[in-house]
Amino acid sequence: AYCASCHGLQGLGNGPAVPALKKTPSNLTLLTKNNGGKFPALKVANSIQGDNIAAHGSTDMPVWGDVFRSMSRSEAETRMRINNLTKYI
């Protein structure tokens, strides 16, 4: 629900919003391969939260941490959403 518009339903970086973007979204299915065979969970979580702008090259990627914070008053719930999304990826 959060990533598919840019990264595509399969996470290949080919979502319907791609033509409107300046930079092609990463292929999420290659994260483990491109990181020495280990899924970079902390890097992914930081990118989702907005702590690692360099991971997606700019602030063009929505900072979901801010969105999740606006959905709840609880930082624990925000962290849970980020962790759940990281595990899903």
Protein backbone atom coordinates (compact mmCIF):
# COMPACT_ATOMS: atom_id res chain seq x y z
CA ALA A 1 0.00 0.00 0.00
CA TYR A 2 2.90 2.37 0.70
CA CYS A 3 5.62 1.37 -1.75
CA ALA A 4 3.84 -0.11 -4.77
CA SER A 5 3.04 3.14 -6.56
CA CYS A 6 6.78 3.66 -7.11
CA HIS A 7 8.45 0.30 -6.51
CA GLY A 8 5.67 -1.76 -8.16
CA LEU A 9 3.59 -4.63 -6.84
CA GLN A 10 6.56 -6.99 -7.03
CA GLY A 11 9.09 -4.42 -5.75
CA LEU A 12 10.91 -4.25 -9.10
CA GLY A 13 10.99 -0.45 -9.29
CA ASN A 14 8.37 -0.31 -12.03
CA GLY A 15 5.30 1.14 -10.33
CA PRO A 16 2.72 3.29 -12.11
CA ALA A 17 4.20 6.53 -10.72
CA VAL A 18 7.63 5.91 -12.31
CA PRO A 19 7.03 8.08 -15.41
CA ALA A 20 6.48 11.10 -13.15
CA LEU A 21 9.68 10.54 -11.14
CA LYS A 22 13.11 12.07 -11.76
CA LYS A 23 14.92 8.96 -10.50
CA THR A 24 13.89 5.34 -11.03
CA PRO A 25 13.01 3.64 -7.73
CA SER A 26 15.25 0.81 -6.60
CA ASN A 27 14.47 -2.79 -7.31
CA LEU A 28 13.69 -3.98 -3.79
CA THR A 29 14.08 -7.63 -4.80
CA LEU A 30 17.83 -7.05 -5.18
CA LEU A 31 18.43 -5.59 -1.71
CA THR A 32 19.83 -8.82 -0.26
CA LYS A 33 21.93 -9.64 -3.31
CA ASN A 34 23.36 -6.12 -3.47
CA ASN A 35 24.28 -6.23 0.22
CA GLY A 36 26.49 -9.28 0.33
CA GLY A 37 23.64 -11.76 0.71
CA LYS A 38 22.26 -10.15 3.87
CA PHE A 39 19.02 -8.17 3.94
CA PRO A 40 19.92 -4.64 5.15
CA ALA A 41 17.03 -4.33 7.62
CA LEU A 42 18.44 -1.36 9.52
CA LYS A 43 19.21 0.54 6.31
CA VAL A 44 15.70 -0.18 4.99
CA ALA A 45 14.04 0.86 8.27
CA ASN A 46 16.09 4.06 8.37
CA SER A 47 15.14 4.84 4.77
CA ILE A 48 11.45 4.32 5.50
CA GLN A 49 11.67 6.46 8.60
CA GLY A 50 13.55 9.19 6.75
CA ASP A 51 16.83 8.91 8.66
CA ASN A 52 18.82 7.91 5.60
CA ILE A 53 18.00 10.29 2.76
CA ALA A 54 21.11 9.17 0.85
CA ALA A 55 19.67 5.65 0.58
CA HIS A 56 17.10 6.82 -1.93
CA GLY A 57 19.13 9.70 -3.30
CA SER A 58 16.87 12.56 -2.38
CA THR A 59 13.80 13.57 -0.47
CA ASP A 60 11.67 12.53 -3.46
CA MET A 61 10.79 9.26 -1.69
CA PRO A 62 8.05 9.91 0.85
CA VAL A 63 9.33 9.87 4.40
CA TRP A 64 6.91 7.32 5.76
CA GLY A 65 8.04 7.86 9.35
CA ASP A 66 6.44 11.31 9.26
CA VAL A 67 3.27 9.86 7.73
CA PHE A 68 3.12 7.09 10.33
CA ARG A 69 3.69 9.60 13.16
CA SER A 70 0.75 11.65 11.89
CA MET A 71 -1.42 8.52 12.04
CA SER A 72 -0.76 7.88 15.74
CA ARG A 73 0.31 9.65 18.90
CA SER A 74 2.40 6.67 19.96
CA GLU A 75 6.05 6.46 18.91
CA ALA A 76 5.83 2.72 19.64
CA GLU A 77 3.06 2.37 17.05
CA THR A 78 5.10 4.36 14.54
CA ARG A 79 8.12 2.10 15.14
CA MET A 80 5.86 -0.98 14.79
CA ARG A 81 4.60 0.23 11.39
CA ILE A 82 8.17 0.83 10.19
CA ASN A 83 9.29 -2.58 11.47
CA ASN A 84 6.31 -4.31 9.86
CA LEU A 85 6.98 -2.62 6.52
CA THR A 86 10.68 -3.51 6.74
CA LYS A 87 9.80 -7.18 7.42
CA TYR A 88 7.34 -7.17 4.52
CA ILE A 89 9.99 -5.91 2.11
